[in-house]
Amino acid sequence: MGATVGALVNVFVTGRLRSGTAAVTAGAIYFSVLAICVALCFEISLSVDYFGAAEAPFLFVLGGLIPAFAKSFAYAWLPYSESGQAIITRTGL
């Protein structure tokens, strides 16, 4: 999953897009990959009848999509905005 996100962002964003456009595109790529993983995990959970997908499918999917959406903002904001880059520089990452 991480390698897929990194490869897609490297191909479509790094060196091609700047600032806001880069952040939105990188965030969309990150969220798309995570959403596909949530769907895959949901299907696997249904087939093995484990992890609660059969009992509460809405909560199962929502419990994966909400964190994915929130993380996509942080993933895109830190490297592709000036304020995010300042935080990275200040913390020494």
PDB file of N, CA and C in Angstrom:
ATOM      1  N   MET A   1       0.830  -1.174   0.000  1.00  0.00           N
ATOM      2  CA  MET A   1       0.000   0.000   0.000  1.00  0.00           C
ATOM      3  C   MET A   1       0.885   1.251   0.000  1.00  0.00           C
ATOM      4  N   GLY A   2       1.841   1.287   0.876  1.00  0.00           N
ATOM      5  CA  GLY A   2       2.728   2.445   0.941  1.00  0.00           C
ATOM      6  C   GLY A   2       3.561   2.606  -0.315  1.00  0.00           C
ATOM      7  N   ALA A   3       4.030   1.494  -0.846  1.00  0.00           N
ATOM      8  CA  ALA A   3       4.814   1.554  -2.078  1.00  0.00           C
ATOM      9  C   ALA A   3       3.959   2.023  -3.248  1.00  0.00           C
ATOM     10  N   THR A   4       2.715   1.606  -3.277  1.00  0.00           N
ATOM     11  CA  THR A   4       1.806   2.027  -4.344  1.00  0.00           C
ATOM     12  C   THR A   4       1.569   3.523  -4.280  1.00  0.00           C
ATOM     13  N   VAL A   5       1.280   4.035  -3.094  1.00  0.00           N
ATOM     14  CA  VAL A   5       1.066   5.474  -2.930  1.00  0.00           C
ATOM     15  C   VAL A   5       2.326   6.233  -3.328  1.00  0.00           C
ATOM     16  N   GLY A   6       3.468   5.800  -2.820  1.00  0.00           N
ATOM     17  CA  GLY A   6       4.727   6.473  -3.135  1.00  0.00           C
ATOM     18  C   GLY A   6       5.037   6.479  -4.615  1.00  0.00           C
ATOM     19  N   ALA A   7       4.831   5.359  -5.267  1.00  0.00           N
ATOM     20  CA  ALA A   7       5.116   5.272  -6.700  1.00  0.00           C
ATOM     21  C   ALA A   7       4.170   6.169  -7.504  1.00  0.00           C
ATOM     22  N   LEU A   8       2.892   6.140  -7.178  1.00  0.00           N
ATOM     23  CA  LEU A   8       1.933   6.971  -7.911  1.00  0.00           C
ATOM     24  C   LEU A   8       2.184   8.461  -7.701  1.00  0.00           C
ATOM     25  N   VAL A   9       2.474   8.847  -6.471  1.00  0.00           N
ATOM     26  CA  VAL A   9       2.773  10.260  -6.196  1.00  0.00           C
ATOM     27  C   VAL A   9       4.065  10.659  -6.893  1.00  0.00           C
ATOM     28  N   ASN A  10       5.048   9.791  -6.894  1.00  0.00           N
ATOM     29  CA  ASN A  10       6.309  10.099  -7.565  1.00  0.00           C
ATOM     30  C   ASN A  10       6.116  10.278  -9.068  1.00  0.00           C
ATOM     31  N   VAL A  11       5.287   9.436  -9.662  1.00  0.00           N
ATOM     32  CA  VAL A  11       5.064   9.513 -11.110  1.00  0.00           C
ATOM     33  C   VAL A  11       4.208  10.724 -11.484  1.00  0.00           C
ATOM     34  N   PHE A  12       3.133  10.973 -10.738  1.00  0.00           N
ATOM     35  CA  PHE A  12       2.169  11.986 -11.155  1.00  0.00           C
ATOM     36  C   PHE A  12       2.329  13.353 -10.494  1.00  0.00           C
ATOM     37  N   VAL A  13       3.040  13.450  -9.382  1.00  0.00           N
ATOM     38  CA  VAL A  13       3.092  14.717  -8.651  1.00  0.00           C
ATOM     39  C   VAL A  13       4.503  15.295  -8.578  1.00  0.00           C
ATOM     40  N   THR A  14       5.452  14.516  -8.077  1.00  0.00           N
ATOM     41  CA  THR A  14       6.792  15.022  -7.809  1.00  0.00           C
ATOM     42  C   THR A  14       7.453  15.527  -9.088  1.00  0.00           C
ATOM     43  N   GLY A  15       7.876  16.782  -9.068  1.00  0.00           N
ATOM     44  CA  GLY A  15       8.548  17.400 -10.203  1.00  0.00           C
ATOM     45  C   GLY A  15       7.605  17.905 -11.279  1.00  0.00           C
ATOM     46  N   ARG A  16       6.318  17.616 -11.176  1.00  0.00           N
ATOM     47  CA  ARG A  16       5.361  18.045 -12.195  1.00  0.00           C
ATOM     48  C   ARG A  16       4.421  19.135 -11.685  1.00  0.00           C
ATOM     49  N   LEU A  17       3.977  18.989 -10.455  1.00  0.00           N
ATOM     50  CA  LEU A  17       2.979  19.904  -9.906  1.00  0.00           C
ATOM     51  C   LEU A  17       3.568  20.665  -8.721  1.00  0.00           C
ATOM     52  N   ARG A  18       2.987  21.805  -8.423  1.00  0.00           N
ATOM     53  CA  ARG A  18       3.470  22.638  -7.326  1.00  0.00           C
ATOM     54  C   ARG A  18       2.331  23.008  -6.392  1.00  0.00           C
ATOM     55  N   SER A  19       2.666  23.268  -5.161  1.00  0.00           N
ATOM     56  CA  SER A  19       1.812  23.851  -4.134  1.00  0.00           C
ATOM     57  C   SER A  19       0.444  23.205  -4.016  1.00  0.00           C
ATOM     58  N   GLY A  20      -0.622  23.990  -4.200  1.00  0.00           N
ATOM     59  CA  GLY A  20      -1.981  23.503  -3.971  1.00  0.00           C
ATOM     60  C   GLY A  20      -2.380  22.366  -4.891  1.00  0.00           C
ATOM     61  N   THR A  21      -2.005  22.465  -6.149  1.00  0.00           N
ATOM     62  CA  THR A  21      -2.334  21.406  -7.100  1.00  0.00           C
ATOM     63  C   THR A  21      -1.647  20.103  -6.715  1.00  0.00           C
ATOM     64  N   ALA A  22      -0.407  20.195  -6.299  1.00  0.00           N
ATOM     65  CA  ALA A  22       0.325  19.005  -5.878  1.00  0.00           C
ATOM     66  C   ALA A  22      -0.297  18.401  -4.630  1.00  0.00           C
ATOM     67  N   ALA A  23      -0.691  19.246  -3.693  1.00  0.00           N
ATOM     68  CA  ALA A  23      -1.285  18.748  -2.453  1.00  0.00           C
ATOM     69  C   ALA A  23      -2.610  18.050  -2.711  1.00  0.00           C
ATOM     70  N   VAL A  24      -3.450  18.643  -3.539  1.00  0.00           N
ATOM     71  CA  VAL A  24      -4.752  18.038  -3.841  1.00  0.00           C
ATOM     72  C   VAL A  24      -4.576  16.723  -4.587  1.00  0.00           C
ATOM     73  N   THR A  25      -3.685  16.694  -5.553  1.00  0.00           N
ATOM     74  CA  THR A  25      -3.460  15.476  -6.326  1.00  0.00           C
ATOM     75  C   THR A  25      -2.868  14.374  -5.457  1.00  0.00           C
ATOM     76  N   ALA A  26      -1.874  14.716  -4.646  1.00  0.00           N
ATOM     77  CA  ALA A  26      -1.268  13.713  -3.762  1.00  0.00           C
ATOM     78  C   ALA A  26      -2.284  13.195  -2.753  1.00  0.00           C
ATOM     79  N   GLY A  27      -3.104  14.082  -2.202  1.00  0.00           N
ATOM     80  CA  GLY A  27      -4.148  13.664  -1.271  1.00  0.00           C
ATOM     81  C   GLY A  27      -5.169  12.761  -1.922  1.00  0.00           C
ATOM     82  N   ALA A  28      -5.548  13.076  -3.151  1.00  0.00           N
ATOM     83  CA  ALA A  28      -6.512  12.247  -3.872  1.00  0.00           C
ATOM     84  C   ALA A  28      -5.939  10.860  -4.165  1.00  0.00           C
ATOM     85  N   ILE A  29      -4.679  10.800  -4.534  1.00  0.00           N
ATOM     86  CA  ILE A  29      -4.028   9.513  -4.782  1.00  0.00           C
ATOM     87  C   ILE A  29      -3.986   8.701  -3.494  1.00  0.00           C
ATOM     88  N   TYR A  30      -3.578   9.328  -2.412  1.00  0.00           N
ATOM     89  CA  TYR A  30      -3.479   8.644  -1.124  1.00  0.00           C
ATOM     90  C   TYR A  30      -4.841   8.109  -0.694  1.00  0.00           C
ATOM     91  N   PHE A  31      -5.869   8.960  -0.766  1.00  0.00           N
ATOM     92  CA  PHE A  31      -7.204   8.531  -0.358  1.00  0.00           C
ATOM     93  C   PHE A  31      -7.734   7.425  -1.268  1.00  0.00           C
ATOM     94  N   SER A  32      -7.484   7.517  -2.551  1.00  0.00           N
ATOM     95  CA  SER A  32      -7.968   6.496  -3.485  1.00  0.00           C
ATOM     96  C   SER A  32      -7.374   5.127  -3.180  1.00  0.00           C
ATOM     97  N   VAL A  33      -6.084   5.090  -2.942  1.00  0.00           N
ATOM     98  CA  VAL A  33      -5.437   3.813  -2.627  1.00  0.00           C
ATOM     99  C   VAL A  33      -5.979   3.249  -1.310  1.00  0.00           C
ATOM    100  N   LEU A  34      -6.117   4.101  -0.299  1.00  0.00           N
ATOM    101  CA  LEU A  34      -6.651   3.631   0.983  1.00  0.00           C
ATOM    102  C   LEU A  34      -8.106   3.193   0.865  1.00  0.00           C
ATOM    103  N   ALA A  35      -8.896   3.880   0.049  1.00  0.00           N
ATOM    104  CA  ALA A  35     -10.296   3.485  -0.141  1.00  0.00           C
ATOM    105  C   ALA A  35     -10.382   2.118  -0.815  1.00  0.00           C
ATOM    106  N   ILE A  36      -9.509   1.855  -1.763  1.00  0.00           N
ATOM    107  CA  ILE A  36      -9.474   0.538  -2.404  1.00  0.00           C
ATOM    108  C   ILE A  36      -9.089  -0.525  -1.381  1.00  0.00           C
ATOM    109  N   CYS A  37      -8.155  -0.203  -0.506  1.00  0.00           N
ATOM    110  CA  CYS A  37      -7.762  -1.152   0.543  1.00  0.00           C
ATOM    111  C   CYS A  37      -8.905  -1.409   1.522  1.00  0.00           C
ATOM    112  N   VAL A  38      -9.676  -0.382   1.848  1.00  0.00           N
ATOM    113  CA  VAL A  38     -10.833  -0.565   2.723  1.00  0.00           C
ATOM    114  C   VAL A  38     -11.838  -1.499   2.061  1.00  0.00           C
ATOM    115  N   ALA A  39     -12.094  -1.294   0.775  1.00  0.00           N
ATOM    116  CA  ALA A  39     -13.034  -2.158   0.058  1.00  0.00           C
ATOM    117  C   ALA A  39     -12.530  -3.595   0.016  1.00  0.00           C
ATOM    118  N   LEU A  40     -11.242  -3.776  -0.214  1.00  0.00           N
ATOM    119  CA  LEU A  40     -10.665  -5.118  -0.235  1.00  0.00           C
ATOM    120  C   LEU A  40     -10.761  -5.779   1.132  1.00  0.00           C
ATOM    121  N   CYS A  41     -10.433  -5.043   2.184  1.00  0.00           N
ATOM    122  CA  CYS A  41     -10.543  -5.587   3.543  1.00  0.00           C
ATOM    123  C   CYS A  41     -11.987  -5.930   3.889  1.00  0.00           C
ATOM    124  N   PHE A  42     -12.924  -5.122   3.426  1.00  0.00           N
ATOM    125  CA  PHE A  42     -14.336  -5.394   3.665  1.00  0.00           C
ATOM    126  C   PHE A  42     -14.749  -6.711   3.012  1.00  0.00           C
ATOM    127  N   GLU A  43     -14.356  -6.905   1.773  1.00  0.00           N
ATOM    128  CA  GLU A  43     -14.699  -8.145   1.068  1.00  0.00           C
ATOM    129  C   GLU A  43     -14.055  -9.362   1.737  1.00  0.00           C
ATOM    130  N   ILE A  44     -12.815  -9.219   2.139  1.00  0.00           N
ATOM    131  CA  ILE A  44     -12.140 -10.330   2.824  1.00  0.00           C
ATOM    132  C   ILE A  44     -12.831 -10.626   4.148  1.00  0.00           C
ATOM    133  N   SER A  45     -13.177  -9.574   4.885  1.00  0.00           N
ATOM    134  CA  SER A  45     -13.845  -9.760   6.170  1.00  0.00           C
ATOM    135  C   SER A  45     -15.208 -10.429   5.992  1.00  0.00           C
ATOM    136  N   LEU A  46     -15.914 -10.081   4.931  1.00  0.00           N
ATOM    137  CA  LEU A  46     -17.206 -10.736   4.668  1.00  0.00           C
ATOM    138  C   LEU A  46     -17.032 -12.210   4.353  1.00  0.00           C
ATOM    139  N   SER A  47     -15.993 -12.532   3.604  1.00  0.00           N
ATOM    140  CA  SER A  47     -15.811 -13.924   3.189  1.00  0.00           C
ATOM    141  C   SER A  47     -15.354 -14.824   4.333  1.00  0.00           C
ATOM    142  N   VAL A  48     -14.626 -14.289   5.294  1.00  0.00           N
ATOM    143  CA  VAL A  48     -14.172 -15.105   6.422  1.00  0.00           C
ATOM    144  C   VAL A  48     -15.038 -14.899   7.664  1.00  0.00           C
ATOM    145  N   ASP A  49     -16.005 -13.986   7.561  1.00  0.00           N
ATOM    146  CA  ASP A  49     -16.925 -13.695   8.657  1.00  0.00           C
ATOM    147  C   ASP A  49     -16.183 -13.372   9.950  1.00  0.00           C
ATOM    148  N   TYR A  50     -15.280 -12.409   9.825  1.00  0.00           N
ATOM    149  CA  TYR A  50     -14.447 -12.003  10.952  1.00  0.00           C
ATOM    150  C   TYR A  50     -14.340 -10.482  10.935  1.00  0.00           C
ATOM    151  N   PHE A  51     -13.925  -9.866  11.975  1.00  0.00           N
ATOM    152  CA  PHE A  51     -13.699  -8.425  12.096  1.00  0.00           C
ATOM    153  C   PHE A  51     -14.976  -7.591  12.083  1.00  0.00           C
ATOM    154  N   GLY A  52     -16.157  -8.176  12.049  1.00  0.00           N
ATOM    155  CA  GLY A  52     -17.399  -7.440  12.202  1.00  0.00           C
ATOM    156  C   GLY A  52     -18.002  -6.828  10.968  1.00  0.00           C
ATOM    157  N   ALA A  53     -17.506  -7.130   9.794  1.00  0.00           N
ATOM    158  CA  ALA A  53     -18.071  -6.541   8.581  1.00  0.00           C
ATOM    159  C   ALA A  53     -19.471  -7.045   8.298  1.00  0.00           C
ATOM    160  N   ALA A  54     -19.765  -8.276   8.647  1.00  0.00           N
ATOM    161  CA  ALA A  54     -21.099  -8.822   8.398  1.00  0.00           C
ATOM    162  C   ALA A  54     -22.133  -8.234   9.354  1.00  0.00           C
ATOM    163  N   GLU A  55     -21.743  -7.972  10.587  1.00  0.00           N
ATOM    164  CA  GLU A  55     -22.673  -7.453  11.590  1.00  0.00           C
ATOM    165  C   GLU A  55     -22.933  -5.961  11.425  1.00  0.00           C
ATOM    166  N   ALA A  56     -21.915  -5.198  11.082  1.00  0.00           N
ATOM    167  CA  ALA A  56     -22.046  -3.739  10.956  1.00  0.00           C
ATOM    168  C   ALA A  56     -21.248  -3.250   9.746  1.00  0.00           C
ATOM    169  N   PRO A  57     -21.733  -3.516   8.539  1.00  0.00           N
ATOM    170  CA  PRO A  57     -20.953  -3.150   7.351  1.00  0.00           C
ATOM    171  C   PRO A  57     -20.721  -1.649   7.207  1.00  0.00           C
ATOM    172  N   PHE A  58     -21.729  -0.838   7.555  1.00  0.00           N
ATOM    173  CA  PHE A  58     -21.577   0.611   7.443  1.00  0.00           C
ATOM    174  C   PHE A  58     -20.471   1.114   8.363  1.00  0.00           C
ATOM    175  N   LEU A  59     -20.463   0.646   9.593  1.00  0.00           N
ATOM    176  CA  LEU A  59     -19.434   1.065  10.544  1.00  0.00           C
ATOM    177  C   LEU A  59     -18.057   0.550  10.145  1.00  0.00           C
ATOM    178  N   PHE A  60     -18.005  -0.654   9.596  1.00  0.00           N
ATOM    179  CA  PHE A  60     -16.737  -1.219   9.162  1.00  0.00           C
ATOM    180  C   PHE A  60     -16.112  -0.338   8.070  1.00  0.00           C
ATOM    181  N   VAL A  61     -16.901  -0.003   7.071  1.00  0.00           N
ATOM    182  CA  VAL A  61     -16.390   0.808   5.961  1.00  0.00           C
ATOM    183  C   VAL A  61     -16.103   2.231   6.430  1.00  0.00           C
ATOM    184  N   LEU A  62     -17.002   2.805   7.214  1.00  0.00           N
ATOM    185  CA  LEU A  62     -16.802   4.158   7.712  1.00  0.00           C
ATOM    186  C   LEU A  62     -15.567   4.243   8.608  1.00  0.00           C
ATOM    187  N   GLY A  63     -15.326   3.200   9.392  1.00  0.00           N
ATOM    188  CA  GLY A  63     -14.155   3.158  10.262  1.00  0.00           C
ATOM    189  C   GLY A  63     -12.845   3.103   9.501  1.00  0.00           C
ATOM    190  N   GLY A  64     -12.894   2.760   8.231  1.00  0.00           N
ATOM    191  CA  GLY A  64     -11.698   2.788   7.398  1.00  0.00           C
ATOM    192  C   GLY A  64     -11.592   4.052   6.564  1.00  0.00           C
ATOM    193  N   LEU A  65     -12.742   4.558   6.112  1.00  0.00           N
ATOM    194  CA  LEU A  65     -12.714   5.722   5.217  1.00  0.00           C
ATOM    195  C   LEU A  65     -12.457   7.039   5.954  1.00  0.00           C
ATOM    196  N   ILE A  66     -12.984   7.194   7.155  1.00  0.00           N
ATOM    197  CA  ILE A  66     -12.771   8.450   7.892  1.00  0.00           C
ATOM    198  C   ILE A  66     -11.292   8.667   8.204  1.00  0.00           C
ATOM    199  N   PRO A  67     -10.585   7.675   8.772  1.00  0.00           N
ATOM    200  CA  PRO A  67      -9.146   7.889   8.989  1.00  0.00           C
ATOM    201  C   PRO A  67      -8.367   8.072   7.679  1.00  0.00           C
ATOM    202  N   ALA A  68      -8.774   7.366   6.628  1.00  0.00           N
ATOM    203  CA  ALA A  68      -8.094   7.524   5.341  1.00  0.00           C
ATOM    204  C   ALA A  68      -8.247   8.949   4.821  1.00  0.00           C
ATOM    205  N   PHE A  69      -9.440   9.498   4.951  1.00  0.00           N
ATOM    206  CA  PHE A  69      -9.687  10.868   4.502  1.00  0.00           C
ATOM    207  C   PHE A  69      -8.871  11.858   5.328  1.00  0.00           C
ATOM    208  N   ALA A  70      -8.851  11.678   6.637  1.00  0.00           N
ATOM    209  CA  ALA A  70      -8.100  12.583   7.508  1.00  0.00           C
ATOM    210  C   ALA A  70      -6.595  12.498   7.232  1.00  0.00           C
ATOM    211  N   LYS A  71      -6.092  11.284   7.047  1.00  0.00           N
ATOM    212  CA  LYS A  71      -4.658  11.119   6.799  1.00  0.00           C
ATOM    213  C   LYS A  71      -4.249  11.663   5.443  1.00  0.00           C
ATOM    214  N   SER A  72      -5.147  11.628   4.479  1.00  0.00           N
ATOM    215  CA  SER A  72      -4.789  12.125   3.152  1.00  0.00           C
ATOM    216  C   SER A  72      -4.499  13.618   3.180  1.00  0.00           C
ATOM    217  N   PHE A  73      -5.199  14.372   4.049  1.00  0.00           N
ATOM    218  CA  PHE A  73      -4.902  15.795   4.183  1.00  0.00           C
ATOM    219  C   PHE A  73      -3.507  16.016   4.745  1.00  0.00           C
ATOM    220  N   ALA A  74      -3.167  15.299   5.813  1.00  0.00           N
ATOM    221  CA  ALA A  74      -1.844  15.452   6.417  1.00  0.00           C
ATOM    222  C   ALA A  74      -0.745  15.015   5.448  1.00  0.00           C
ATOM    223  N   TYR A  75      -0.984  13.915   4.752  1.00  0.00           N
ATOM    224  CA  TYR A  75       0.002  13.405   3.796  1.00  0.00           C
ATOM    225  C   TYR A  75       0.266  14.431   2.694  1.00  0.00           C
ATOM    226  N   ALA A  76      -0.770  15.091   2.236  1.00  0.00           N
ATOM    227  CA  ALA A  76      -0.605  16.053   1.151  1.00  0.00           C
ATOM    228  C   ALA A  76      -0.121  17.411   1.653  1.00  0.00           C
ATOM    229  N   TRP A  77      -0.563  17.814   2.839  1.00  0.00           N
ATOM    230  CA  TRP A  77      -0.234  19.144   3.340  1.00  0.00           C
ATOM    231  C   TRP A  77       1.236  19.275   3.737  1.00  0.00           C
ATOM    232  N   LEU A  78       1.766  18.272   4.432  1.00  0.00           N
ATOM    233  CA  LEU A  78       3.134  18.400   4.941  1.00  0.00           C
ATOM    234  C   LEU A  78       4.176  18.612   3.845  1.00  0.00           C
ATOM    235  N   PRO A  79       4.274  17.765   2.849  1.00  0.00           N
ATOM    236  CA  PRO A  79       5.354  17.965   1.882  1.00  0.00           C
ATOM    237  C   PRO A  79       5.073  19.004   0.798  1.00  0.00           C
ATOM    238  N   TYR A  80       3.818  19.358   0.567  1.00  0.00           N
ATOM    239  CA  TYR A  80       3.504  20.195  -0.586  1.00  0.00           C
ATOM    240  C   TYR A  80       2.993  21.590  -0.253  1.00  0.00           C
ATOM    241  N   SER A  81       3.050  21.990   1.007  1.00  0.00           N
ATOM    242  CA  SER A  81       2.687  23.369   1.365  1.00  0.00           C
ATOM    243  C   SER A  81       3.867  24.013   2.083  1.00  0.00           C
ATOM    244  N   GLU A  82       3.921  25.326   2.010  1.00  0.00           N
ATOM    245  CA  GLU A  82       5.028  26.031   2.664  1.00  0.00           C
ATOM    246  C   GLU A  82       4.982  25.861   4.171  1.00  0.00           C
ATOM    247  N   SER A  83       3.792  25.936   4.756  1.00  0.00           N
ATOM    248  CA  SER A  83       3.693  25.776   6.211  1.00  0.00           C
ATOM    249  C   SER A  83       4.015  24.345   6.638  1.00  0.00           C
ATOM    250  N   GLY A  84       3.633  23.384   5.840  1.00  0.00           N
ATOM    251  CA  GLY A  84       3.970  21.988   6.140  1.00  0.00           C
ATOM    252  C   GLY A  84       5.452  21.741   6.032  1.00  0.00           C
ATOM    253  N   GLN A  85       6.092  22.327   5.037  1.00  0.00           N
ATOM    254  CA  GLN A  85       7.537  22.182   4.876  1.00  0.00           C
ATOM    255  C   GLN A  85       8.279  22.860   6.027  1.00  0.00           C
ATOM    256  N   ALA A  86       7.728  23.964   6.528  1.00  0.00           N
ATOM    257  CA  ALA A  86       8.351  24.641   7.678  1.00  0.00           C
ATOM    258  C   ALA A  86       8.309  23.733   8.913  1.00  0.00           C
ATOM    259  N   ILE A  87       7.224  23.026   9.105  1.00  0.00           N
ATOM    260  CA  ILE A  87       7.132  22.086  10.225  1.00  0.00           C
ATOM    261  C   ILE A  87       8.137  20.944  10.055  1.00  0.00           C
ATOM    262  N   ILE A  88       8.246  20.437   8.861  1.00  0.00           N
ATOM    263  CA  ILE A  88       9.213  19.361   8.598  1.00  0.00           C
ATOM    264  C   ILE A  88      10.625  19.843   8.892  1.00  0.00           C
ATOM    265  N   THR A  89      10.970  21.055   8.445  1.00  0.00           N
ATOM    266  CA  THR A  89      12.299  21.617   8.679  1.00  0.00           C
ATOM    267  C   THR A  89      12.533  21.871  10.162  1.00  0.00           C
ATOM    268  N   ARG A  90      11.540  22.431  10.845  1.00  0.00           N
ATOM    269  CA  ARG A  90      11.678  22.755  12.263  1.00  0.00           C
ATOM    270  C   ARG A  90      11.854  21.511  13.115  1.00  0.00           C
ATOM    271  N   THR A  91      11.164  20.438  12.781  1.00  0.00           N
ATOM    272  CA  THR A  91      11.274  19.199  13.570  1.00  0.00           C
ATOM    273  C   THR A  91      12.440  18.333  13.151  1.00  0.00           C
ATOM    274  N   GLY A  92      13.075  18.684  12.054  1.00  0.00           N
ATOM    275  CA  GLY A  92      14.260  17.954  11.617  1.00  0.00           C
ATOM    276  C   GLY A  92      13.950  16.631  10.917  1.00  0.00           C
ATOM    277  N   LEU A  93      12.790  16.524  10.359  1.00  0.00           N
ATOM    278  CA  LEU A  93      12.433  15.274   9.651  1.00  0.00           C
ATOM    279  C   LEU A  93      13.000  15.231   8.263  1.00  0.00           C
TER     280      LEU A  93
END
